[in-house]
Amino acid sequence: MLFRSHETVDSLDTWHSSLVATVGEIPIIILINKTDLPEWKFRQQDIESMGFETMLTSAKTGENVELGFQKLSEMMLSGQG
């Protein structure tokens, strides 16, 4: 899931609870997008403190986009989640 605003991050616990209730525990990486913007002030630690793995990404520059999906695939194949 791509997060772009603090409102979305604030709803992360609710989103995660609903997901687990529906499909059980699955691998999750939170992709923090738009890191190419100079005014970007998001703190990666805010999400990591909730227990989620994160990766900073930029769809504009392609930074870490492919790597994020590769990491998720590796987690799925290894049975993490």
Protein backbone atom coordinates (compact mmCIF):
# COMPACT_ATOMS: atom_id res chain seq x y z
CA MET A 1 0.00 0.00 0.00
CA LEU A 2 1.29 3.47 -0.81
CA PHE A 3 0.99 6.14 1.87
CA ARG A 4 1.10 9.82 0.95
CA SER A 5 -0.50 11.66 3.85
CA HIS A 6 -0.52 11.72 7.62
CA GLU A 7 -4.26 10.96 7.58
CA THR A 8 -3.51 7.69 5.81
CA VAL A 9 -0.78 6.84 8.29
CA ASP A 10 -3.14 7.60 11.17
CA SER A 11 -5.53 4.95 9.81
CA LEU A 12 -2.80 2.30 9.46
CA ASP A 13 -3.80 0.39 12.61
CA THR A 14 -7.43 0.17 11.46
CA TRP A 15 -6.38 -0.88 7.97
CA HIS A 16 -4.06 -3.57 9.34
CA SER A 17 -6.68 -4.94 11.76
CA SER A 18 -9.23 -5.23 8.95
CA LEU A 19 -6.72 -6.93 6.69
CA VAL A 20 -5.71 -9.50 9.32
CA ALA A 21 -9.36 -10.19 10.19
CA THR A 22 -10.09 -10.86 6.52
CA VAL A 23 -7.05 -12.82 5.30
CA GLY A 24 -4.90 -13.54 8.36
CA GLU A 25 -1.27 -12.58 8.80
CA ILE A 26 0.50 -11.87 5.52
CA PRO A 27 3.80 -10.17 4.64
CA ILE A 28 3.50 -6.38 4.59
CA ILE A 29 5.91 -3.66 3.55
CA ILE A 30 4.72 -0.09 3.80
CA LEU A 31 5.98 1.87 0.79
CA ILE A 32 6.38 5.53 1.68
CA ASN A 33 6.00 7.31 -1.66
CA LYS A 34 6.89 10.76 -3.02
CA THR A 35 10.24 10.96 -1.28
CA ASP A 36 11.53 12.90 -4.29
CA LEU A 37 9.62 15.99 -3.12
CA PRO A 38 11.84 18.52 -1.32
CA GLU A 39 9.08 19.45 1.13
CA TRP A 40 8.59 15.82 2.17
CA LYS A 41 8.68 15.74 5.95
CA PHE A 42 7.45 12.23 6.67
CA ARG A 43 9.20 10.29 9.38
CA GLN A 44 9.81 6.67 8.45
CA GLN A 45 10.23 5.86 12.14
CA ASP A 46 6.55 6.75 12.76
CA ILE A 47 5.47 3.65 10.84
CA GLU A 48 8.36 1.43 11.90
CA SER A 49 7.45 2.08 15.55
CA MET A 50 4.09 0.41 14.76
CA GLY A 51 5.96 -2.78 13.86
CA PHE A 52 5.87 -2.55 10.07
CA GLU A 53 8.77 -2.82 7.68
CA THR A 54 9.03 0.29 5.51
CA MET A 55 10.75 1.42 2.37
CA LEU A 56 11.08 4.96 1.03
CA THR A 57 10.04 5.15 -2.64
CA SER A 58 9.54 7.56 -5.48
CA ALA A 59 7.33 6.56 -8.38
CA LYS A 60 8.61 9.64 -10.22
CA THR A 61 12.26 8.62 -10.09
CA GLY A 62 11.67 4.88 -9.68
CA GLU A 63 13.71 4.84 -6.46
CA ASN A 64 13.12 1.58 -4.54
CA VAL A 65 9.85 0.77 -6.36
CA GLU A 66 11.10 -2.46 -7.93
CA LEU A 67 13.13 -3.27 -4.82
CA GLY A 68 9.99 -2.95 -2.67
CA PHE A 69 8.10 -5.50 -4.72
CA GLN A 70 11.15 -7.76 -4.85
CA LYS A 71 11.43 -7.64 -1.05
CA LEU A 72 7.72 -8.42 -0.67
CA SER A 73 8.08 -11.38 -3.05
CA GLU A 74 11.00 -12.69 -1.01
CA MET A 75 8.97 -12.37 2.19
CA MET A 76 6.07 -14.27 0.61
CA LEU A 77 8.30 -17.07 -0.67
CA SER A 78 10.03 -17.47 2.69
CA GLY A 79 6.68 -17.70 4.49
CA GLN A 80 7.05 -14.53 6.53
CA GLY A 81 3.93 -12.85 7.73
